[in-house]
Every structure is written in structure tokens, then in C-alpha cells.
């Protein structure tokens, strides 16, 4: 035990034993703190000064278990690239417990890369430094961008190597989430025909995440509807940022509606709907444009699990569950239209607004334009004295096509009647200047892995935490990669 106090208030560990395995993290040789997320400490009511010490590093590495923690490895199953795996579970993670933050929300505190568990399936249970740094940067960037996401509380090195394609330095990430319950958690019990556990899990999720569902005539249909709505909104936000999750397996789909499990994730530079970065996605199952339909497929798996709870009559249960899954496309489209109206600076709604957005995307794909900068620089077309006067047409191989679209867009803006400067400010408030570009993440990883230099990582984190601030056009955090910097593939890290 350690003298550092963490106010754990655990609930998942009070569920029946078949939901998890009690598992202490494995100690490491020489834990050292890379970075502590002090604002998140404040949100969780934790003492950041105490946790920035060697004793804090020991907690984040798994060498010291705080009082009140109940370390467990959670059980779940899942479809991975469409193939069914009846038992997955936390093979390299341990949930220390839950903390109720200063905002009243309950959150999990989990160590990722903390050693083998009974669910490791032959793996070493460890994490390499590179994927830990990637998840820290990208998850905190997503939070700053307003996307529901798990967050990074701390990252530590272990003083031990892990074996992947070669020997790599090891690390542990402390991840914070509204919970780690996944679609695959429901699948685990559904596959075992354990209706009692399914009901217990569903009631737990309702109580923790969707208390309004408990007051519905059919709480389990209401639960499914709530998850559908939240996931539709989540993927629409991914679309608005050019984000590709990379591994949208059902065990990576959180029922809380957060982005979870950042493996071979990436933000696009040049826009194309078929973009894939993940080295393991050989068929493009999780390509950018496929993400909405894959999410509906994942929700259908959740619906199937909930059917015995929805109604004892199988036909009636199927009809009720199917209706909620069928509601997903409309929910996604509504969320997507709202997302792109804001990205285009539109203050009112018209029927053809989505077509205006999709026509720009088609123009960007044909013109090989940078996704982030195209939207960011739209403000320069309407502001009298822009702080950054880069013209979006300069990003296109075929600027004439963009100019034709821009004329339609300006006409549409004029119908709103909003002042140009106000519209430009709204555009900059919605369209980031800085995202964690792949080449910058890779450069930070290379500096840390090859030279033990964490300065590029820390600098990148500081930049992604203020994504909407205007930078000079030549800033390395704004410009797309040079040809020799382009990252073609990202890797899972397991």
C-alpha cells in the first residue's frame, strides 16, 4: 500500500465474480513518470503534487496499490474484424477502481500495460512506449476538441523492454473512462446464455450511465435507444474531424458513448473517404467512410444481446430491438448535418445543407486537399482582415472546382444574414488549427524511443490542448507533412 490517498468509490467490483477476475498489477523494474495530467487530477479530486512524486510513479506503474483500490481484470468477448471471439477480457489492463470527480461523475481509473492476466491469451500483458504516447496525445486532443473520449491521467516508463518487432521500451498508461463496459461485455454473457448476468449488467449500465431509462415503460429498449443516440453523435464528431479509429471491434465500442482503445488510430491529412491507416485492416473494413455502417453493425450485436430482457416473446423482442437499430441512420445523419453546418459557419438550417458539405468533401478528395486546413481556412474567405491569410484554394490541385463550390457556399452564407466577422469567428471556434498529425506523433515517439527525449511529446501535448488557437501559417503544428514525413500505416501495439 501507499500513503497517497485516492478516494475510490467502487461499484463494478461489487458485481458478481463472473464479471471479472481479481488481479493485482505486476510490478516493474524502474518506474519513472513521463507526464501527469494535472487538470484531470483536479477534476478527479486528486493531489497532483503528491502523484508527481516517485511514489505516484509507483502507483501508475502498478508497483504500489493505493488504499481502497480493488484491482480487477474485466471479462468481455467481441467481434474482431467481424470474427467472433467468445472470450477476450482485459489481457493487459487492470481496473484499480472508480473515483467520483468534483463534477459528480463516476469514472474508472485503469492501468493499461500493467502485466498479464487470465485473459492475456499468451500475450505479455505489457505496452510499448510508442502506443502509450500515442494514446496520451490523441485522447487528450480528442477531449480538447470536444469529442467524448477516455482520457490519459499519467504515463510512466517501466525500465523494462517489451518484445514486438524488436526490443522496445515499456510503459504504462493510466486511463480514465466513464466506464469500461463495452458491447463485448454484453456479448460475453449473451454467448453463455447467462440472462441473470445480462440483466445485472444492463441494470448497472442504466444506473450508471442512463438513469432516465429506468423510468421508461421498457427500460432495456430505452437503454438500447440511448446507446444508439450517443454512438451516432460520437461517430458524427469523428467525421467532422477526419478521425479514423482503426479498430472498431465490438469490444472497442463503449456503451457510455466514449471513444475508447486508441490503437492504430489517425487523423487524415489529405482527405479521401477510403483512407485506412491500420496495418492490420487489410480489407479496409474500418476505413473512414465505413465507420458509420460498422457502428450500426456493432449496435445490432448489442441489440441481439438485450433481446431476452426486452421481451420474453422473441418476435416482439426482435421487432422492438430492430426498430431501435433501424433508427440509427437517421440519428447519425441528423448529428452529421449539425456537425457540418457548424463547420461551414451556417447559422440556420436548409434542406440541402448536407449536400453542400458532401460536395465540398468530394471536391477535397478530387483535389487532394488537406482535411483540417481546408475547413480552418474557410474563415479567411469571409473575414476582412484575417490573422492568417492562407487561401483554402491553395490546398487544391484543381482550385477551379473549389471556387465553384465556394461561390455556392458564399451564397448560402448570405441567406443567413450574419455579419462576416461573426461568421469567421464561429468557423474558427469549430474548425481546429491543430490536430495530432501522424508525422508529429511519430516524431515524438521516435525521439522518446530512440533517444529518451520526451520534449517533442510534451510540446505536442501542449499544442493539441489548444486546438482552436490561430498559429502562424508556417507553424510545424499546422502544416501538413512533407512527402518524406507522410505516415502510411499505424500500428496497434499489442
Protein backbone atom coordinates (compact mmCIF):
# COMPACT_ATOMS: atom_id res chain seq x y z
CA UNK A 1 0.00 0.00 0.00
CA UNK A 2 0.96 3.65 -0.41
CA UNK A 3 0.36 6.73 1.70
CA UNK A 4 -1.08 8.67 -1.26
CA UNK A 5 -4.85 8.86 -0.89
CA UNK A 6 -7.18 8.28 -3.83
CA UNK A 7 -10.91 8.49 -2.96
CA UNK A 8 -12.05 5.25 -4.55
CA UNK A 9 -15.79 4.50 -4.54
CA UNK A 10 -16.01 1.22 -6.41
CA UNK A 11 -19.16 -0.30 -7.88
CA UNK A 12 -18.11 -2.68 -10.68
CA UNK A 13 -16.00 -4.72 -8.28
CA UNK A 14 -19.19 -5.30 -6.24
CA UNK A 15 -20.82 -7.16 -9.15
CA UNK A 16 -20.78 -10.98 -9.22
CA UNK A 17 -17.39 -12.64 -9.52
CA UNK A 18 -18.01 -13.88 -13.06
CA UNK A 19 -17.83 -10.28 -14.31
CA UNK A 20 -14.09 -10.06 -13.67
CA UNK A 21 -11.01 -11.64 -12.15
CA UNK A 22 -9.35 -10.04 -9.16
CA UNK A 23 -5.88 -9.28 -10.42
CA UNK A 24 -3.13 -7.13 -8.98
CA UNK A 25 -0.84 -5.34 -11.45
CA UNK A 26 2.64 -6.79 -11.93
CA UNK A 27 5.44 -4.57 -10.57
CA UNK A 28 8.05 -3.20 -12.97
CA UNK A 29 11.77 -2.70 -12.57
CA UNK A 30 12.18 1.09 -12.51
CA UNK A 31 9.03 3.23 -12.87
CA UNK A 32 9.54 6.84 -13.92
CA UNK A 33 6.88 9.44 -14.61
CA UNK A 34 6.72 10.80 -18.17
CA UNK A 35 3.75 13.11 -17.76
CA UNK A 36 0.96 13.71 -15.25
CA UNK A 37 -2.33 15.29 -16.33
CA UNK A 38 -2.77 17.90 -13.63
CA UNK A 39 -6.11 19.32 -14.84
CA UNK A 40 -7.55 15.80 -14.83
CA UNK A 41 -6.17 15.28 -11.31
CA UNK A 42 -8.09 18.37 -10.25
CA UNK A 43 -11.28 17.06 -11.87
CA UNK A 44 -10.90 13.75 -10.03
CA UNK A 45 -10.07 15.45 -6.72
CA UNK A 46 -6.55 14.01 -6.65
CA UNK A 47 -3.39 15.58 -5.21
CA UNK A 48 -1.29 16.28 -8.31
CA UNK A 49 1.77 17.31 -6.31
CA UNK A 50 1.76 14.01 -4.40
CA UNK A 51 1.18 12.00 -7.58
CA UNK A 52 4.05 13.72 -9.40
CA UNK A 53 6.47 12.08 -6.95
CA UNK A 54 8.29 8.75 -7.17
CA UNK A 55 5.50 7.32 -5.04
CA UNK A 56 3.00 8.47 -7.64
CA UNK A 57 5.05 6.88 -10.41
CA UNK A 58 4.96 3.63 -8.44
CA UNK A 59 1.14 3.78 -8.38
CA UNK A 60 0.90 4.49 -12.11
CA UNK A 61 3.27 1.63 -12.88
CA UNK A 62 1.44 -0.88 -10.68
CA UNK A 63 4.24 -1.20 -8.11
CA UNK A 64 2.09 0.28 -5.33
CA UNK A 65 -1.65 -0.24 -4.92
CA UNK A 66 -3.45 2.68 -3.27
CA UNK A 67 -5.69 2.06 -0.29
CA UNK A 68 -9.26 1.49 -1.42
CA UNK A 69 -8.30 0.13 -4.83
CA UNK A 70 -9.79 -3.23 -5.82
CA UNK A 71 -7.77 -4.26 -8.88
CA UNK A 72 -9.71 -6.36 -11.38
CA UNK A 73 -9.42 -7.52 -14.99
CA UNK A 74 -12.82 -7.28 -16.66
CA UNK A 75 -14.35 -10.09 -18.73
CA UNK A 76 -15.74 -9.47 -22.19
CA UNK A 77 -16.00 -11.05 -25.63
CA UNK A 78 -16.31 -9.48 -29.07
CA UNK A 79 -16.30 -9.48 -32.82
CA UNK A 80 -12.83 -8.61 -34.09
CA UNK A 81 -12.86 -7.62 -37.77
CA UNK A 82 -16.20 -9.43 -37.95
CA UNK A 83 -14.88 -12.69 -36.47
CA UNK A 84 -16.39 -13.90 -33.23
CA UNK A 85 -14.11 -14.38 -30.21
CA UNK A 86 -16.06 -15.75 -27.22
CA UNK A 87 -13.55 -14.66 -24.59
CA UNK A 88 -11.30 -11.63 -24.70
CA UNK A 89 -11.18 -9.60 -21.49
CA UNK A 90 -8.54 -7.28 -20.08
CA UNK A 91 -5.40 -9.03 -21.22
CA UNK A 92 -3.05 -6.18 -20.39
CA UNK A 93 -5.09 -3.86 -18.19
CA UNK A 94 -6.21 -3.69 -14.58
CA UNK A 95 -9.04 -1.52 -13.31
CA UNK A 96 -7.87 -0.07 -9.99
CA UNK A 97 -11.28 1.31 -9.09
CA UNK A 98 -13.62 4.25 -9.55
CA UNK A 99 -13.46 7.86 -8.45
CA UNK A 100 -16.35 10.31 -8.25
CA UNK A 101 -15.00 13.59 -9.56
CA UNK A 102 -15.61 17.14 -8.45
CA UNK A 103 -18.26 17.32 -11.20
CA UNK A 104 -20.19 14.43 -9.62
CA UNK A 105 -19.42 11.96 -12.41
CA UNK A 106 -18.08 8.49 -11.61
CA UNK A 107 -15.03 7.44 -13.63
CA UNK A 108 -12.84 4.34 -13.87
CA UNK A 109 -9.11 4.55 -13.23
CA UNK A 110 -7.33 1.80 -15.16
CA UNK A 111 -3.71 0.81 -15.70
CA UNK A 112 -3.03 -0.21 -19.31
CA UNK A 113 0.10 -2.28 -19.86
CA UNK A 114 0.22 -3.50 -16.26
CA UNK A 115 1.08 -7.16 -16.89
CA UNK A 116 -0.51 -10.49 -17.66
CA UNK A 117 -4.00 -11.50 -16.54
CA UNK A 118 -6.02 -14.70 -17.05
CA UNK A 119 -7.36 -13.04 -20.23
CA UNK A 120 -3.94 -12.43 -21.82
CA UNK A 121 -4.21 -15.36 -24.27
CA UNK A 122 -0.46 -15.81 -24.45
CA UNK A 123 0.38 -12.11 -24.59
CA UNK A 124 2.87 -10.45 -22.26
CA UNK A 125 0.31 -8.03 -20.80
CA UNK A 126 2.65 -5.11 -21.35
CA UNK A 127 2.59 -1.98 -23.50
CA UNK A 128 5.36 -0.46 -25.55
CA UNK A 129 6.22 3.19 -25.07
CA UNK A 130 5.08 4.30 -28.53
CA UNK A 131 1.41 3.26 -28.23
CA UNK A 132 1.23 4.75 -24.73
CA UNK A 133 2.45 8.12 -26.01
CA UNK A 134 0.08 7.93 -28.99
CA UNK A 135 -2.93 7.26 -26.77
CA UNK A 136 -1.97 10.04 -24.38
CA UNK A 137 -1.65 12.60 -27.19
CA UNK A 138 -4.71 11.55 -29.18
CA UNK A 139 -7.11 11.03 -26.29
CA UNK A 140 -6.27 14.40 -24.75
CA UNK A 141 -6.54 16.03 -28.18
CA UNK A 142 -9.98 14.49 -28.63
CA UNK A 143 -11.07 15.84 -25.26
CA UNK A 144 -9.85 19.32 -26.20
CA UNK A 145 -11.77 19.01 -29.48
CA UNK A 146 -15.00 18.26 -27.60
CA UNK A 147 -15.21 14.58 -28.53
CA UNK A 148 -16.42 12.13 -25.84
CA UNK A 149 -13.35 10.07 -25.01
CA UNK A 150 -11.37 8.16 -22.47
CA UNK A 151 -8.58 10.29 -21.07
CA UNK A 152 -4.96 9.93 -20.03
CA UNK A 153 -4.16 10.60 -16.38
CA UNK A 154 -0.49 9.62 -16.47
CA UNK A 155 2.19 7.83 -18.47
CA UNK A 156 5.24 6.14 -16.97
CA UNK A 157 8.19 4.22 -18.29
CA UNK A 158 8.89 0.84 -16.70
CA UNK A 159 12.65 0.40 -17.07
CA UNK A 160 11.90 -2.85 -18.93
CA UNK A 161 11.80 -3.71 -22.62
CA UNK A 162 8.95 -5.46 -24.38
CA UNK A 163 9.32 -7.62 -27.46
CA UNK A 164 7.31 -6.59 -30.52
CA UNK A 165 9.04 -6.35 -33.90
CA UNK A 166 12.16 -5.98 -31.78
CA UNK A 167 13.01 -4.79 -28.29
CA UNK A 168 11.12 -1.64 -27.35
CA UNK A 169 11.00 0.35 -24.11
CA UNK A 170 7.96 -0.46 -22.00
CA UNK A 171 5.42 1.92 -20.49
CA UNK A 172 2.11 2.01 -18.64
CA UNK A 173 -0.78 4.38 -19.33
CA UNK A 174 -3.28 5.32 -16.64
CA UNK A 175 -6.59 5.66 -18.44
CA UNK A 176 -9.75 7.31 -17.14
CA UNK A 177 -13.17 6.47 -18.57
CA UNK A 178 -16.81 6.92 -17.67
CA UNK A 179 -16.69 3.13 -17.56
CA UNK A 180 -15.05 0.28 -19.46
CA UNK A 181 -18.30 -1.58 -20.22
CA UNK A 182 -18.35 -2.47 -23.89
CA UNK A 183 -20.75 -4.05 -26.36
CA UNK A 184 -18.44 -7.05 -25.95
CA UNK A 185 -19.22 -7.17 -22.23
CA UNK A 186 -22.86 -7.86 -23.07
CA UNK A 187 -21.79 -10.36 -25.72
CA UNK A 188 -19.73 -12.27 -23.17
CA UNK A 189 -22.78 -13.11 -21.09
CA UNK A 190 -25.19 -13.47 -24.02
CA UNK A 191 -22.92 -16.12 -25.55
CA UNK A 192 -23.10 -18.04 -22.25
CA UNK A 193 -26.89 -17.68 -22.13
CA UNK A 194 -26.46 -16.09 -18.72
CA UNK A 195 -29.62 -14.00 -18.62
CA UNK A 196 -29.17 -13.21 -14.94
CA UNK A 197 -25.78 -11.63 -15.62
CA UNK A 198 -27.16 -9.79 -18.66
CA UNK A 199 -29.90 -8.27 -16.55
CA UNK A 200 -27.44 -7.35 -13.80
CA UNK A 201 -25.13 -5.72 -16.36
CA UNK A 202 -27.94 -3.86 -18.10
CA UNK A 203 -29.30 -2.56 -14.80
CA UNK A 204 -25.79 -1.49 -13.82
CA UNK A 205 -25.30 0.44 -17.08
CA UNK A 206 -28.71 2.08 -16.76
CA UNK A 207 -27.98 3.15 -13.19
CA UNK A 208 -24.50 4.45 -14.02
CA UNK A 209 -24.96 5.99 -17.46
CA UNK A 210 -28.63 6.23 -18.44
CA UNK A 211 -30.76 6.66 -15.30
CA UNK A 212 -33.59 8.11 -17.36
CA UNK A 213 -34.05 4.69 -18.99
CA UNK A 214 -35.09 3.24 -15.64
CA UNK A 215 -38.26 5.36 -15.78
CA UNK A 216 -39.24 4.15 -19.26
CA UNK A 217 -42.02 1.63 -19.87
CA UNK A 218 -39.37 -0.76 -21.20
CA UNK A 219 -36.01 0.16 -19.60
CA UNK A 220 -33.96 -2.16 -21.81
CA UNK A 221 -35.40 -0.79 -25.05
CA UNK A 222 -34.73 2.68 -23.67
CA UNK A 223 -31.16 1.64 -22.85
CA UNK A 224 -30.60 0.48 -26.42
CA UNK A 225 -32.11 3.69 -27.79
CA UNK A 226 -29.85 5.80 -25.58
CA UNK A 227 -26.70 3.94 -26.65
CA UNK A 228 -27.73 4.25 -30.32
CA UNK A 229 -28.21 8.01 -29.97
CA UNK A 230 -24.94 8.56 -28.14
CA UNK A 231 -22.90 6.48 -30.58
CA UNK A 232 -24.49 8.21 -33.58
CA UNK A 233 -23.38 11.55 -32.19
CA UNK A 234 -19.91 10.23 -31.44
CA UNK A 235 -19.19 8.96 -34.96
CA UNK A 236 -20.54 12.19 -36.44
CA UNK A 237 -17.90 14.05 -34.42
CA UNK A 238 -15.22 11.68 -35.77
CA UNK A 239 -16.43 12.53 -39.28
CA UNK A 240 -16.18 16.23 -38.58
CA UNK A 241 -12.50 15.87 -37.68
CA UNK A 242 -11.33 13.36 -40.28
CA UNK A 243 -10.63 10.86 -37.48
CA UNK A 244 -10.21 7.15 -38.15
CA UNK A 245 -10.50 4.86 -35.14
CA UNK A 246 -8.84 1.95 -36.90
CA UNK A 247 -10.20 -0.97 -34.86
CA UNK A 248 -13.97 -0.64 -34.40
CA UNK A 249 -14.43 -4.10 -32.95
CA UNK A 250 -17.40 -4.65 -30.63
CA UNK A 251 -15.00 -4.95 -27.70
CA UNK A 252 -13.79 -1.44 -28.57
CA UNK A 253 -17.31 0.05 -28.59
CA UNK A 254 -18.12 1.68 -25.26
CA UNK A 255 -21.76 1.66 -24.13
CA UNK A 256 -21.05 5.00 -22.44
CA UNK A 257 -20.53 6.55 -25.88
CA UNK A 258 -16.85 7.43 -25.45
CA UNK A 259 -14.04 6.89 -27.94
CA UNK A 260 -12.06 4.04 -26.42
CA UNK A 261 -8.99 1.94 -27.21
CA UNK A 262 -6.74 4.16 -29.29
CA UNK A 263 -4.59 1.72 -31.22
CA UNK A 264 -3.84 2.34 -34.91
CA UNK A 265 -5.96 5.49 -34.89
CA UNK A 266 -5.14 8.51 -37.04
CA UNK A 267 -6.38 11.84 -38.35
CA UNK A 268 -6.36 12.21 -42.11
CA UNK A 269 -4.13 14.75 -43.76
CA UNK A 270 -5.29 14.60 -47.40
CA UNK A 271 -8.98 13.75 -47.45
CA UNK A 272 -10.22 10.57 -49.06
CA UNK A 273 -13.24 8.56 -47.83
CA UNK A 274 -11.47 5.23 -48.35
CA UNK A 275 -8.49 6.10 -46.15
CA UNK A 276 -7.11 3.32 -43.94
CA UNK A 277 -4.04 3.60 -41.73
CA UNK A 278 -4.21 0.48 -39.58
CA UNK A 279 -1.59 -2.08 -40.54
CA UNK A 280 -3.97 -4.91 -39.60
CA UNK A 281 -7.00 -3.66 -41.57
CA UNK A 282 -6.06 -5.36 -44.80
CA UNK A 283 -9.56 -5.26 -46.31
CA UNK A 284 -10.45 -1.73 -45.31
CA UNK A 285 -13.29 -2.84 -43.03
CA UNK A 286 -12.74 0.18 -40.78
CA UNK A 287 -11.92 2.75 -43.48
CA UNK A 288 -13.03 6.30 -42.74
CA UNK A 289 -16.27 6.18 -44.74
CA UNK A 290 -17.22 2.75 -43.37
CA UNK A 291 -17.28 3.85 -39.73
CA UNK A 292 -20.99 4.80 -39.55
CA UNK A 293 -22.21 1.49 -41.00
CA UNK A 294 -19.79 -0.51 -38.87
CA UNK A 295 -21.10 1.25 -35.79
CA UNK A 296 -24.65 0.24 -36.73
CA UNK A 297 -23.46 -3.34 -37.13
CA UNK A 298 -21.94 -3.19 -33.64
CA UNK A 299 -25.16 -1.78 -32.22
CA UNK A 300 -27.07 -4.64 -33.80
CA UNK A 301 -24.88 -7.03 -31.79
CA UNK A 302 -25.82 -5.15 -28.61
CA UNK A 303 -29.49 -5.30 -29.58
CA UNK A 304 -29.27 -9.05 -30.01
CA UNK A 305 -27.82 -9.38 -26.52
CA UNK A 306 -30.61 -7.30 -24.98
CA UNK A 307 -33.49 -9.13 -26.66
CA UNK A 308 -34.15 -11.61 -23.80
CA UNK A 309 -34.50 -8.61 -21.47
CA UNK A 310 -36.64 -6.52 -23.83
CA UNK A 311 -39.46 -9.05 -24.02
CA UNK A 312 -39.92 -12.79 -23.32
CA UNK A 313 -41.72 -13.09 -26.67
CA UNK A 314 -38.85 -13.47 -29.15
CA UNK A 315 -40.74 -11.99 -32.11
CA UNK A 316 -41.81 -8.96 -30.11
CA UNK A 317 -38.32 -8.51 -28.70
CA UNK A 318 -36.86 -8.68 -32.21
CA UNK A 319 -39.27 -6.07 -33.53
CA UNK A 320 -38.59 -3.67 -30.66
CA UNK A 321 -34.81 -4.11 -30.87
CA UNK A 322 -34.77 -3.84 -34.66
CA UNK A 323 -36.71 -0.58 -34.51
CA UNK A 324 -34.01 0.99 -32.34
CA UNK A 325 -31.18 -0.23 -34.58
CA UNK A 326 -33.08 0.99 -37.62
CA UNK A 327 -33.29 4.45 -36.01
CA UNK A 328 -29.52 4.76 -36.13
CA UNK A 329 -29.06 6.04 -39.74
CA UNK A 330 -31.46 8.95 -39.18
CA UNK A 331 -29.82 9.77 -35.85
CA UNK A 332 -26.38 9.72 -37.44
CA UNK A 333 -27.47 11.86 -40.38
CA UNK A 334 -29.05 14.44 -38.05
CA UNK A 335 -25.88 14.59 -35.98
CA UNK A 336 -23.72 14.78 -39.12
CA UNK A 337 -25.77 17.63 -40.60
CA UNK A 338 -25.45 19.57 -37.35
CA UNK A 339 -21.71 18.92 -37.29
CA UNK A 340 -21.11 20.14 -40.83
CA UNK A 341 -23.46 23.10 -40.57
CA UNK A 342 -21.24 24.34 -37.77
CA UNK A 343 -18.08 23.54 -39.74
CA UNK A 344 -19.40 25.59 -42.67
CA UNK A 345 -20.49 28.50 -40.48
CA UNK A 346 -24.19 28.08 -41.22
CA UNK A 347 -26.44 29.65 -38.60
CA UNK A 348 -29.76 28.38 -40.00
CA UNK A 349 -30.96 25.06 -41.40
CA UNK A 350 -31.85 24.34 -45.01
CA UNK A 351 -32.68 21.05 -46.67
CA UNK A 352 -29.63 20.92 -48.93
CA UNK A 353 -27.03 21.72 -46.26
CA UNK A 354 -25.72 18.15 -46.14
CA UNK A 355 -25.31 18.15 -49.92
CA UNK A 356 -23.29 21.36 -49.65
CA UNK A 357 -20.97 19.64 -47.15
CA UNK A 358 -20.65 16.37 -49.05
CA UNK A 359 -19.96 18.26 -52.29
CA UNK A 360 -17.04 20.01 -50.56
CA UNK A 361 -15.73 16.65 -49.37
CA UNK A 362 -15.95 15.27 -52.90
CA UNK A 363 -14.09 18.32 -54.15
CA UNK A 364 -11.43 17.82 -51.46
CA UNK A 365 -10.98 14.16 -52.41
CA UNK A 366 -10.59 15.01 -56.08
CA UNK A 367 -8.29 17.94 -55.35
CA UNK A 368 -6.23 16.05 -52.74
CA UNK A 369 -6.79 18.80 -50.21
CA UNK A 370 -5.83 18.70 -46.55
CA UNK A 371 -8.92 17.98 -44.44
CA UNK A 372 -8.14 20.07 -41.37
CA UNK A 373 -6.69 23.10 -43.14
CA UNK A 374 -9.43 23.29 -45.77
CA UNK A 375 -12.09 23.84 -43.13
CA UNK A 376 -9.86 26.04 -40.98
CA UNK A 377 -9.01 28.39 -43.84
CA UNK A 378 -12.64 28.89 -44.93
CA UNK A 379 -12.80 31.73 -42.42
CA UNK A 380 -10.14 33.59 -44.40
CA UNK A 381 -12.56 33.89 -47.33
CA UNK A 382 -15.06 36.00 -45.39
CA UNK A 383 -13.07 37.91 -42.75
CA UNK A 384 -11.91 41.38 -43.76
CA UNK A 385 -8.55 41.16 -42.00
CA UNK A 386 -7.76 37.52 -41.18
CA UNK A 387 -4.97 36.74 -38.73
CA UNK A 388 -3.85 34.01 -41.14
CA UNK A 389 -4.49 34.89 -44.78
CA UNK A 390 -3.82 31.44 -46.27
CA UNK A 391 -6.38 30.85 -49.00
CA UNK A 392 -8.14 27.45 -48.95
CA UNK A 393 -7.99 27.25 -52.76
CA UNK A 394 -4.20 26.92 -52.50
CA UNK A 395 -4.70 23.47 -50.97
CA UNK A 396 -6.42 22.05 -54.06
CA UNK A 397 -4.87 20.51 -57.15
CA UNK A 398 -7.95 21.79 -59.02
CA UNK A 399 -8.77 25.18 -57.46
CA UNK A 400 -11.44 25.91 -60.07
CA UNK A 401 -13.63 23.14 -58.65
CA UNK A 402 -13.22 24.58 -55.18
CA UNK A 403 -14.03 28.09 -56.42
CA UNK A 404 -17.28 26.85 -57.95
CA UNK A 405 -18.23 25.27 -54.62
CA UNK A 406 -17.13 28.36 -52.68
CA UNK A 407 -19.49 30.54 -54.72
CA UNK A 408 -22.42 28.33 -53.66
CA UNK A 409 -21.22 28.45 -50.05
CA UNK A 410 -20.95 32.26 -50.01
CA UNK A 411 -24.45 32.50 -51.44
CA UNK A 412 -25.72 30.17 -48.72
CA UNK A 413 -23.98 32.23 -46.01
CA UNK A 414 -25.59 35.41 -47.32
CA UNK A 415 -29.03 33.88 -46.73
CA UNK A 416 -28.21 33.61 -43.01
CA UNK A 417 -27.59 37.35 -42.79
CA UNK A 418 -24.86 37.01 -40.18
CA UNK A 419 -22.00 39.53 -40.08
CA UNK A 420 -18.86 38.26 -41.82
CA UNK A 421 -16.58 38.66 -38.82
CA UNK A 422 -19.03 36.84 -36.54
CA UNK A 423 -19.29 34.02 -39.05
CA UNK A 424 -15.49 33.82 -39.37
CA UNK A 425 -15.14 33.65 -35.59
CA UNK A 426 -17.71 30.84 -35.47
CA UNK A 427 -15.78 28.96 -38.15
CA UNK A 428 -12.55 29.22 -36.16
CA UNK A 429 -14.32 28.14 -32.99
CA UNK A 430 -15.45 24.95 -34.73
CA UNK A 431 -12.58 24.07 -37.09
CA UNK A 432 -9.28 23.31 -35.35
CA UNK A 433 -5.95 24.71 -36.46
CA UNK A 434 -4.07 21.88 -34.75
CA UNK A 435 -4.71 18.16 -34.59
CA UNK A 436 -2.24 15.42 -33.60
CA UNK A 437 -0.94 14.88 -37.11
CA UNK A 438 0.52 11.45 -37.70
CA UNK A 439 4.01 12.64 -38.59
CA UNK A 440 4.21 14.74 -35.42
CA UNK A 441 3.06 11.84 -33.25
CA UNK A 442 5.58 9.58 -34.96
CA UNK A 443 8.38 12.11 -34.48
CA UNK A 444 7.55 12.37 -30.78
CA UNK A 445 7.57 8.58 -30.46
CA UNK A 446 10.87 8.27 -32.32
CA UNK A 447 12.54 10.88 -30.10
CA UNK A 448 11.31 9.11 -26.95
CA UNK A 449 12.05 5.55 -28.04
CA UNK A 450 15.37 6.19 -29.75
CA UNK A 451 16.86 8.92 -27.59
CA UNK A 452 14.86 9.03 -24.37
CA UNK A 453 13.84 12.58 -25.32
CA UNK A 454 10.30 13.43 -24.23
CA UNK A 455 10.47 17.13 -25.14
CA UNK A 456 8.74 16.65 -28.54
CA UNK A 457 5.99 14.60 -26.87
CA UNK A 458 5.37 17.20 -24.18
CA UNK A 459 5.44 20.03 -26.71
CA UNK A 460 2.91 18.20 -28.90
CA UNK A 461 0.60 17.62 -25.94
CA UNK A 462 0.69 21.31 -25.09
CA UNK A 463 -0.21 22.21 -28.67
CA UNK A 464 -3.14 19.79 -29.05
CA UNK A 465 -4.64 21.06 -25.79
CA UNK A 466 -5.44 24.38 -27.53
CA UNK A 467 -6.58 23.22 -30.95
CA UNK A 468 -8.56 26.32 -31.97
CA UNK A 469 -5.90 28.96 -31.34
CA UNK A 470 -4.55 30.51 -34.54
CA UNK A 471 -0.90 29.75 -35.30
CA UNK A 472 1.37 31.23 -37.94
CA UNK A 473 0.86 29.56 -41.31
CA UNK A 474 4.38 28.15 -41.21
CA UNK A 475 3.96 26.52 -37.81
CA UNK A 476 5.06 22.88 -37.83
CA UNK A 477 1.91 22.03 -35.89
CA UNK A 478 -0.31 23.42 -38.67
CA UNK A 479 1.39 22.46 -41.91
CA UNK A 480 0.71 19.07 -43.50
CA UNK A 481 3.58 16.57 -43.69
CA UNK A 482 6.27 16.93 -46.30
CA UNK A 483 6.41 13.98 -48.74
CA UNK A 484 9.15 12.28 -46.72
CA UNK A 485 7.16 12.73 -43.48
CA UNK A 486 3.92 11.07 -44.60
CA UNK A 487 2.86 8.20 -42.35
CA UNK A 488 1.33 5.38 -44.39
CA UNK A 489 0.50 2.94 -41.57
CA UNK A 490 -0.22 2.96 -37.86
CA UNK A 491 0.13 0.01 -35.54
CA UNK A 492 -1.88 -1.50 -32.72
CA UNK A 493 0.98 -2.02 -30.29
CA UNK A 494 -0.11 -5.37 -28.86
